[in-house]
Structure formats: structure tokens, C-alpha cells
Amino acid sequence: MAADTKKGSGGNNQLLMTLLKGRTLIVLAILFVFFSFAAPNFFNVDSLLSVAKHVALYGILAIGMTYVIITGGIDLSVGAVVGFCGMLAGGFLQEGLTLPMFGVTIYMSVPVVVLVTLVIGVLLGVVNGLIITKLGVTPFIATLGTMYVWRGFANIRSNGATFNDIAGKAGLGNMGFSFFSSSVFGIIPMGVVILVIFAVIAGLVLNKTAFGWHVLAIGGNTNAARLSGIKVDKSLIIVYAISGLCSAMVGIITTSQLMAAHPATGNSWEMNAIAASVLGGTSMAGGVGTIIGTIEGAFVIGVINDGMTMMGVTEFWQQVIRGLVIIIAVVIDQVQRNIQARMALQARNESKSEEKAAATA
């Protein structure tokens, strides 16, 4: 009888774990059904393509955030990096790069603008990593500080104004920035194509390379990772550089979609990135996370945001709901961890009981 009880309890735990692991897809299915009735225009092609464009932005941003959270850290500066890098790209296209010492202004081609902007995004991430690893500042405080710094620089770049004329001029050789917004692969927006590329590369690096295993090990137990010979500081700097790269790419895509650069772009987007990561199964405690899960989480955030907008829900209530989504996701993650711990303990106890019974026999 006791054995049957244990078996039933174990079966219930297994079923609950299966549901928890598939929670993101379950929630996504429920949202699609709900918004198909609550927002009648939700299921037309234009609306779905709009959702896909937003999912691409949240997804790319969340990929970098996932790497950071897996290490047990956080990056609150990603939204500010989006705005700052967007302003840099917009400024390069509208005003060029002025070199006062030579009395010249250089107008760069779009590929060069993109490359320079991405490199700057990486460098901003490296700064975060250096502050955390070399100065010993906790990730929350370090990236909270740099969030204000990068946002301030974004405003300083144009004195708070918007760069509107970023289409470029044929004579200057800087046209074609709309590629990131107007180009399509079939009917799939270019942003989604870029998301797929980032996701595939990030997933392979995380699961198939030594660096990815180091990232997971650092999040699981930093001291043990250090003792095992992993260069923890170097790995963390690279992780924050990846986050900076993803943020810069989002800044480029967003600026291209708007065909304008505004310093407030990306404001509070770090919350969307965190929510997408956590909804996708990335543990805030570190050591656990997948890129495919993060993409699923980005779809949930994108569907919620666009669905609520189509329903006419005000931005204020949207903020409330997004906050609740993050809280619920963290609670569910904690429940899943507790169940896993109980199952592991139960398995160890059963193993010891079997060994004891065998020894007695």
C-alpha cells in the first residue's frame, strides 16, 4: 500500500513537472485563443506580422539577457543600450562623423554604420562586465548605474532631439538603412530572420561549446566553476558583451523601423527581456536556461502586448499586467525548483532504502 502511495505521488510529481516545463507553450496557446475572440483583428495577416516584428525585438534582446541570467546576473542597461546605439546609428546617417581636428565630416555606408554600432554595443557590454568582475560591484547595481549613463549619453548625443533624416543621400553613399525594416524573406520580416540567426547561433554556443558549458557552470556554482579551472571573470565579460551586442542589434532594427532615432527608444525594454527569459524557463537563481525557451517567452510577451493594444487596454494597465507576468513566472520557477529538489531527495532516499534492503537480505 505504501509502495502504491509513493508511486502515485511520484507520478503526480512527474505530471506536474511535465506541465511546468511546457508552461510557456500552454500559455501561448491560451493567449492565441483568448485574443482571437477578445481582439477580432488579431488573427489577420497584418496583425500577425506586426506581432512577429515585436517578438523579434524582444527575442533578440532576451537572448543576451538569457546568457546573463544563466550566470546568476542581471542586465538592467539593455534598454538604454538600445536607445544609445539607435542614436549613434541615426546620428552617423544624418550628420556623419565629424573630425574637428581635420575639419572634415565622414559619411559612412550603411554596412559600416551597422558594424561600428554593433562594436560600440559590445564595448558597452564589456564595460558592464569589467565593473562587475574587476570592481566587484553586484550586477544589479552595476547595470542600474550604466543604464542611467547610457540613457544620458543618448540624450547628450542630440541634446534630447530626434534624428529624423536618416534615409541617407545617394551622393553620400549612405542609403539603404531601411533594409532592416522593409526587407522580407517571402513574407517574413527581416527582423524575424535576424532573430532566427541570433537564436540558432546562441543556442549552438550555449549547448555545444565549452564556453556555453562554462556559462551554465558559473550559474550553477561560481566557486566550484572557478576551482575547476574555468576563467569566470573572462566568461562573465564575454556574456555581458553578448548582451551588449544583442541590444545594439535591436537598436539598429528599431531605428530602421521608425526611420528615426529618439533617445527614449528602448525605455523599460529590459523588463520585456527579463520576462521573456524567465517565462521561457531561465532560472533567476542561475545555472538553468535555454534559447528556445526564451524565444517562446518572447512570443508570449509579444502576443500579450499586441493583443492588449488591439483590445484598447491602456499602457498603464499593460505595465501592471507585465509586472504580474514577471512575478508569476518567478513564482512558477521557484515551484518547479522545489518539486525537482523533492523528487531528487525522494530518489536518493529510495535508492538508500533499496541498498539497505539488499544488504540485509
Protein backbone atom coordinates (compact mmCIF):
# COMPACT_ATOMS: atom_id res chain seq x y z
CA MET A 1 0.00 0.00 0.00
CA ALA A 2 2.83 2.36 0.94
CA ALA A 3 4.58 1.48 -2.30
CA ASP A 4 1.45 2.35 -4.28
CA THR A 5 1.19 5.67 -2.45
CA LYS A 6 4.80 6.52 -3.26
CA LYS A 7 4.26 5.50 -6.87
CA GLY A 8 1.17 7.69 -7.12
CA SER A 9 2.96 10.64 -5.54
CA GLY A 10 5.90 10.21 -7.91
CA GLY A 11 3.54 10.00 -10.88
CA ASN A 12 1.78 13.20 -9.81
CA ASN A 13 5.11 14.98 -9.45
CA GLN A 14 6.18 13.80 -12.90
CA LEU A 15 2.93 15.03 -14.44
CA LEU A 16 3.24 18.41 -12.69
CA MET A 17 6.86 18.74 -13.85
CA THR A 18 5.82 18.00 -17.43
CA LEU A 19 3.14 20.68 -17.27
CA LEU A 20 5.55 23.19 -15.71
CA LYS A 21 8.20 22.54 -18.36
CA GLY A 22 5.65 23.08 -21.11
CA ARG A 23 4.01 26.05 -19.41
CA THR A 24 5.17 28.61 -21.96
CA LEU A 25 3.60 26.82 -24.92
CA ILE A 26 0.43 26.17 -22.91
CA VAL A 27 0.15 29.87 -22.00
CA LEU A 28 0.87 30.87 -25.61
CA ALA A 29 -1.93 28.62 -26.91
CA ILE A 30 -4.35 30.05 -24.34
CA LEU A 31 -3.42 33.60 -25.31
CA PHE A 32 -3.97 32.93 -29.02
CA VAL A 33 -7.41 31.51 -28.30
CA PHE A 34 -8.30 34.38 -25.95
CA PHE A 35 -7.20 37.20 -28.25
CA SER A 36 -8.85 35.58 -31.27
CA PHE A 37 -12.17 36.31 -29.51
CA ALA A 38 -11.27 39.43 -27.50
CA ALA A 39 -9.49 41.20 -30.39
CA PRO A 40 -11.26 40.30 -33.67
CA ASN A 41 -8.46 41.66 -35.88
CA PHE A 42 -5.77 39.72 -34.04
CA PHE A 43 -5.67 36.82 -36.49
CA ASN A 44 -5.35 38.72 -39.77
CA VAL A 45 -2.04 38.62 -41.62
CA ASP A 46 -1.06 42.25 -40.97
CA SER A 47 -1.64 41.89 -37.24
CA LEU A 48 0.36 38.67 -37.01
CA LEU A 49 3.24 40.22 -38.96
CA SER A 50 3.17 43.17 -36.56
CA VAL A 51 3.34 40.75 -33.62
CA ALA A 52 6.25 38.95 -35.31
CA LYS A 53 8.20 42.22 -35.68
CA HIS A 54 7.79 42.98 -31.97
CA VAL A 55 8.62 39.40 -30.98
CA ALA A 56 11.85 39.71 -32.99
CA LEU A 57 12.91 42.75 -30.95
CA TYR A 58 12.03 41.20 -27.60
CA GLY A 59 13.57 37.88 -28.62
CA ILE A 60 16.95 39.25 -29.69
CA LEU A 61 17.14 41.37 -26.54
CA ALA A 62 16.13 38.39 -24.39
CA ILE A 63 18.81 36.14 -25.92
CA GLY A 64 21.50 38.35 -24.44
CA MET A 65 19.57 38.59 -21.18
CA THR A 66 19.29 34.81 -21.02
CA TYR A 67 23.07 34.40 -21.09
CA VAL A 68 23.37 36.96 -18.30
CA ILE A 69 20.65 35.45 -16.09
CA ILE A 70 22.07 31.94 -16.54
CA THR A 71 25.28 33.18 -14.88
CA GLY A 72 23.20 34.42 -11.94
CA GLY A 73 23.41 38.07 -13.04
CA ILE A 74 21.09 40.69 -14.48
CA ASP A 75 21.49 43.44 -17.08
CA LEU A 76 19.22 46.41 -16.48
CA SER A 77 21.03 48.52 -19.06
CA VAL A 78 19.84 46.73 -22.22
CA GLY A 79 17.00 49.18 -22.94
CA ALA A 80 19.35 52.12 -22.56
CA VAL A 81 21.87 50.47 -24.89
CA VAL A 82 19.07 50.08 -27.46
CA GLY A 83 18.39 53.82 -27.27
CA PHE A 84 22.04 54.90 -27.27
CA CYS A 85 23.06 52.65 -30.17
CA GLY A 86 19.98 53.76 -32.13
CA MET A 87 21.03 57.38 -31.59
CA LEU A 88 24.57 56.60 -32.71
CA ALA A 89 23.36 54.93 -35.91
CA GLY A 90 20.88 57.73 -36.60
CA GLY A 91 23.50 60.40 -35.98
CA PHE A 92 26.03 58.73 -38.27
CA LEU A 93 23.45 58.61 -41.05
CA GLN A 94 22.07 62.13 -40.64
CA GLU A 95 25.12 64.11 -39.56
CA GLY A 96 28.04 61.84 -40.37
CA LEU A 97 31.12 61.60 -38.17
CA THR A 98 32.79 64.97 -37.73
CA LEU A 99 36.54 65.08 -37.05
CA PRO A 100 37.21 68.66 -35.81
CA MET A 101 40.99 68.23 -35.79
CA PHE A 102 40.93 67.58 -39.54
CA GLY A 103 37.97 69.82 -40.36
CA VAL A 104 36.12 67.03 -42.19
CA THR A 105 32.88 65.09 -41.84
CA ILE A 106 32.87 61.42 -42.84
CA TYR A 107 29.66 59.82 -44.10
CA MET A 108 29.82 56.08 -43.68
CA SER A 109 27.98 53.47 -45.74
CA VAL A 110 25.18 51.58 -44.04
CA PRO A 111 27.24 48.36 -43.50
CA VAL A 112 29.97 50.41 -41.81
CA VAL A 113 27.40 52.24 -39.65
CA VAL A 114 25.93 48.90 -38.59
CA LEU A 115 29.36 47.40 -37.85
CA VAL A 116 30.50 50.42 -35.82
CA THR A 117 27.24 50.48 -33.87
CA LEU A 118 27.48 46.77 -33.07
CA VAL A 119 31.09 47.15 -31.92
CA ILE A 120 30.09 50.02 -29.63
CA GLY A 121 27.27 47.87 -28.23
CA VAL A 122 29.80 45.11 -27.46
CA LEU A 123 32.10 47.64 -25.77
CA LEU A 124 29.25 48.89 -23.59
CA GLY A 125 28.64 45.30 -22.52
CA VAL A 126 32.34 44.86 -21.80
CA VAL A 127 32.21 47.94 -19.55
CA ASN A 128 29.38 46.29 -17.58
CA GLY A 129 31.40 43.09 -17.31
CA LEU A 130 34.53 44.90 -16.12
CA ILE A 131 32.63 46.83 -13.45
CA ILE A 132 31.13 43.58 -12.16
CA THR A 133 34.25 41.40 -12.30
CA LYS A 134 37.11 43.83 -11.63
CA LEU A 135 35.44 46.30 -9.29
CA GLY A 136 33.28 43.72 -7.51
CA VAL A 137 30.02 45.60 -8.00
CA THR A 138 26.90 43.42 -7.98
CA PRO A 139 25.28 43.07 -11.44
CA PHE A 140 22.04 44.75 -10.32
CA ILE A 141 23.79 47.91 -9.08
CA ALA A 142 26.39 47.98 -11.87
CA THR A 143 23.87 47.77 -14.70
CA LEU A 144 21.41 50.06 -12.92
CA GLY A 145 24.15 52.70 -12.91
CA THR A 146 25.18 52.18 -16.52
CA MET A 147 21.51 52.24 -17.53
CA TYR A 148 21.39 55.87 -16.47
CA VAL A 149 24.79 56.60 -18.01
CA TRP A 150 23.92 55.17 -21.45
CA ARG A 151 20.48 56.82 -21.41
CA GLY A 152 22.15 60.11 -20.52
CA PHE A 153 24.62 59.75 -23.40
CA ALA A 154 21.72 59.01 -25.75
CA ASN A 155 20.18 62.37 -24.83
CA ILE A 156 23.52 64.18 -24.94
CA ARG A 157 24.14 62.87 -28.47
CA SER A 158 21.37 65.12 -29.86
CA ASN A 159 20.59 67.32 -26.85
CA GLY A 160 17.37 65.33 -26.45
CA ALA A 161 16.26 65.83 -30.06
CA THR A 162 15.29 63.21 -32.65
CA PHE A 163 17.29 62.32 -35.74
CA ASN A 164 14.59 62.31 -38.42
CA ASP A 165 16.53 62.38 -41.68
CA ILE A 166 18.29 59.01 -41.65
CA ALA A 167 17.29 57.77 -45.11
CA GLY A 168 20.68 58.91 -46.40
CA LYS A 169 21.62 60.53 -49.69
CA ALA A 170 22.81 58.87 -52.87
CA GLY A 171 25.66 61.33 -53.23
CA LEU A 172 26.97 60.45 -49.78
CA GLY A 173 26.73 56.69 -50.28
CA ASN A 174 24.80 56.12 -47.06
CA MET A 175 21.40 54.98 -48.32
CA GLY A 176 19.77 51.61 -47.60
CA PHE A 177 19.22 51.67 -43.84
CA SER A 178 15.58 50.68 -44.39
CA PHE A 179 16.86 47.19 -45.26
CA PHE A 180 16.33 46.12 -41.64
CA SER A 181 12.66 47.09 -41.66
CA SER A 182 11.33 46.90 -45.24
CA SER A 183 13.14 43.79 -46.46
CA VAL A 184 11.30 40.48 -46.24
CA PHE A 185 12.11 36.82 -46.75
CA GLY A 186 8.94 35.73 -48.50
CA ILE A 187 6.50 37.46 -46.16
CA ILE A 188 8.72 37.09 -43.10
CA PRO A 189 10.09 40.45 -41.85
CA MET A 190 13.86 40.87 -41.81
CA GLY A 191 13.79 41.33 -38.03
CA VAL A 192 12.44 37.80 -37.64
CA VAL A 193 15.15 36.45 -39.94
CA ILE A 194 17.79 38.15 -37.79
CA LEU A 195 16.14 36.71 -34.67
CA VAL A 196 16.37 33.19 -36.12
CA ILE A 197 20.06 33.70 -36.96
CA PHE A 198 20.83 35.02 -33.46
CA ALA A 199 18.81 32.23 -31.83
CA VAL A 200 20.48 29.43 -33.78
CA ILE A 201 23.98 30.74 -33.09
CA ALA A 202 23.23 31.46 -29.41
CA GLY A 203 21.65 28.04 -28.95
CA LEU A 204 24.58 26.21 -30.52
CA VAL A 205 27.11 28.19 -28.49
CA LEU A 206 25.24 27.55 -25.24
CA ASN A 207 24.70 23.82 -25.78
CA LYS A 208 27.57 22.68 -27.99
CA THR A 209 30.66 24.66 -26.95
CA ALA A 210 32.95 24.75 -23.95
CA PHE A 211 32.09 28.41 -23.42
CA GLY A 212 28.38 27.56 -23.16
CA TRP A 213 29.10 24.84 -20.60
CA HIS A 214 31.21 27.32 -18.65
CA VAL A 215 28.31 29.79 -18.61
CA LEU A 216 25.97 27.12 -17.21
CA ALA A 217 28.60 26.01 -14.68
CA ILE A 218 29.15 29.56 -13.44
CA GLY A 219 25.44 29.98 -12.83
CA GLY A 220 25.22 26.62 -11.11
CA ASN A 221 28.07 27.28 -8.67
CA THR A 222 30.53 30.11 -9.29
CA ASN A 223 33.07 28.98 -6.70
CA ALA A 224 33.06 25.41 -7.98
CA ALA A 225 33.45 26.68 -11.54
CA ARG A 226 36.44 28.78 -10.51
CA LEU A 227 38.04 25.88 -8.66
CA SER A 228 37.56 23.62 -11.69
CA GLY A 229 39.71 25.96 -13.77
CA ILE A 230 37.04 28.00 -15.57
CA LYS A 231 38.07 31.61 -16.17
CA VAL A 232 34.99 33.05 -14.53
CA ASP A 233 35.80 36.75 -14.97
CA LYS A 234 36.63 36.35 -18.66
CA SER A 235 33.45 34.37 -19.27
CA LEU A 236 31.30 36.94 -17.48
CA ILE A 237 32.79 39.80 -19.51
CA ILE A 238 32.01 37.90 -22.72
CA VAL A 239 28.45 37.23 -21.50
CA TYR A 240 27.79 40.93 -20.91
CA ALA A 241 29.42 41.71 -24.27
CA ILE A 242 26.91 39.33 -25.89
CA SER A 243 24.11 41.20 -24.13
CA GLY A 244 25.50 44.48 -25.47
CA LEU A 245 25.69 43.05 -29.00
CA CYS A 246 22.06 41.90 -28.88
CA SER A 247 20.94 45.28 -27.54
CA ALA A 248 22.82 47.16 -30.27
CA MET A 249 21.21 44.95 -32.93
CA VAL A 250 17.77 45.75 -31.53
CA GLY A 251 18.68 49.45 -31.57
CA ILE A 252 19.55 49.20 -35.26
CA ILE A 253 16.38 47.31 -36.21
CA THR A 254 14.13 49.64 -34.19
CA THR A 255 15.71 52.76 -35.67
CA SER A 256 15.29 51.29 -39.16
CA GLN A 257 11.62 50.50 -38.50
CA LEU A 258 10.94 54.04 -37.28
CA MET A 259 13.32 55.63 -39.82
CA ALA A 260 14.13 57.96 -36.95
CA ALA A 261 16.28 57.82 -33.83
CA HIS A 262 14.96 59.05 -30.49
CA PRO A 263 16.89 58.92 -27.20
CA ALA A 264 13.94 57.41 -25.30
CA THR A 265 13.79 54.35 -27.57
CA GLY A 266 14.02 51.12 -25.62
CA ASN A 267 12.79 52.65 -22.37
CA SER A 268 11.84 49.84 -19.93
CA TRP A 269 12.52 47.16 -22.55
CA GLU A 270 14.77 45.43 -20.06
CA MET A 271 11.55 44.29 -18.35
CA ASN A 272 10.37 42.60 -21.55
CA ALA A 273 13.73 40.88 -21.93
CA ILE A 274 13.73 39.63 -18.35
CA ALA A 275 10.11 38.48 -18.61
CA ALA A 276 10.76 36.60 -21.86
CA SER A 277 13.78 34.83 -20.37
CA VAL A 278 12.06 33.84 -17.15
CA LEU A 279 8.84 32.79 -18.89
CA GLY A 280 10.98 30.59 -21.13
CA GLY A 281 12.36 28.69 -18.15
CA THR A 282 15.56 30.59 -17.38
CA SER A 283 16.06 30.45 -13.62
CA MET A 284 16.75 33.71 -11.80
CA ALA A 285 18.95 31.65 -9.48
CA GLY A 286 21.23 30.88 -12.42
CA GLY A 287 22.51 27.70 -13.99
CA VAL A 288 19.37 26.87 -16.00
CA GLY A 289 18.07 28.25 -19.29
CA THR A 290 17.54 27.55 -22.98
CA ILE A 291 17.40 29.78 -26.02
CA ILE A 292 14.36 28.02 -27.49
CA GLY A 293 12.54 28.61 -24.21
CA THR A 294 13.46 32.28 -24.34
CA ILE A 295 12.04 32.61 -27.86
CA GLU A 296 8.81 31.01 -26.64
CA GLY A 297 8.77 33.54 -23.81
CA ALA A 298 9.31 36.39 -26.28
CA PHE A 299 6.26 35.19 -28.22
CA VAL A 300 4.19 35.29 -25.03
CA ILE A 301 5.30 38.86 -24.26
CA GLY A 302 4.73 39.98 -27.86
CA VAL A 303 1.27 38.42 -28.04
CA ILE A 304 0.27 39.91 -24.67
CA ASN A 305 1.48 43.42 -25.61
CA ASP A 306 -0.04 43.50 -29.08
CA GLY A 307 -3.22 41.72 -28.01
CA MET A 308 -3.84 44.19 -25.21
CA THR A 309 -3.17 47.10 -27.56
CA MET A 310 -5.71 45.76 -30.06
CA MET A 311 -8.22 45.41 -27.23
CA GLY A 312 -7.68 49.06 -26.34
CA VAL A 313 -6.09 48.37 -22.95
CA THR A 314 -4.23 51.48 -21.76
CA GLU A 315 -0.45 51.48 -21.41
CA PHE A 316 -0.83 51.92 -17.65
CA TRP A 317 -2.74 48.65 -17.29
CA GLN A 318 -0.32 46.97 -19.68
CA GLN A 319 2.50 47.87 -17.29
CA VAL A 320 0.56 46.33 -14.40
CA ILE A 321 -0.04 43.12 -16.35
CA ARG A 322 3.59 42.86 -17.49
CA GLY A 323 4.72 43.22 -13.88
CA LEU A 324 2.32 40.50 -12.76
CA VAL A 325 3.57 38.23 -15.56
CA ILE A 326 7.15 38.57 -14.27
CA ILE A 327 6.09 37.84 -10.68
CA ILE A 328 4.05 34.79 -11.70
CA ALA A 329 6.91 33.49 -13.87
CA VAL A 330 9.38 33.75 -10.97
CA VAL A 331 6.93 32.03 -8.58
CA ILE A 332 6.40 29.18 -11.06
CA ASP A 333 10.17 28.85 -11.48
CA GLN A 334 10.53 28.55 -7.70
CA VAL A 335 7.75 25.95 -7.54
CA GLN A 336 9.48 23.94 -10.27
CA ARG A 337 12.82 24.09 -8.42
CA ASN A 338 11.17 22.95 -5.17
CA ILE A 339 9.48 20.00 -6.89
CA GLN A 340 12.75 19.00 -8.57
CA ALA A 341 14.53 19.15 -5.20
CA ARG A 342 11.83 16.96 -3.56
CA MET A 343 11.98 14.45 -6.41
CA ALA A 344 15.78 14.28 -6.18
CA LEU A 345 15.60 13.77 -2.40
CA GLN A 346 12.92 11.09 -2.79
CA ALA A 347 15.03 9.28 -5.40
CA ARG A 348 18.05 9.33 -3.08
CA ASN A 349 16.01 8.02 -0.14
CA GLU A 350 14.53 5.21 -2.24
CA SER A 351 17.98 4.29 -3.50
CA LYS A 352 19.32 4.12 0.07
CA SER A 353 16.34 2.01 1.16
CA GLU A 354 16.94 -0.44 -1.67
CA GLU A 355 20.65 -0.67 -0.85
CA LYS A 356 19.82 -1.26 2.83
CA ALA A 357 17.26 -3.96 1.96
CA ALA A 358 19.76 -5.68 -0.35
CA ALA A 359 22.44 -5.62 2.34
CA THR A 360 20.02 -7.07 4.94
CA ALA A 361 18.97 -9.86 2.56
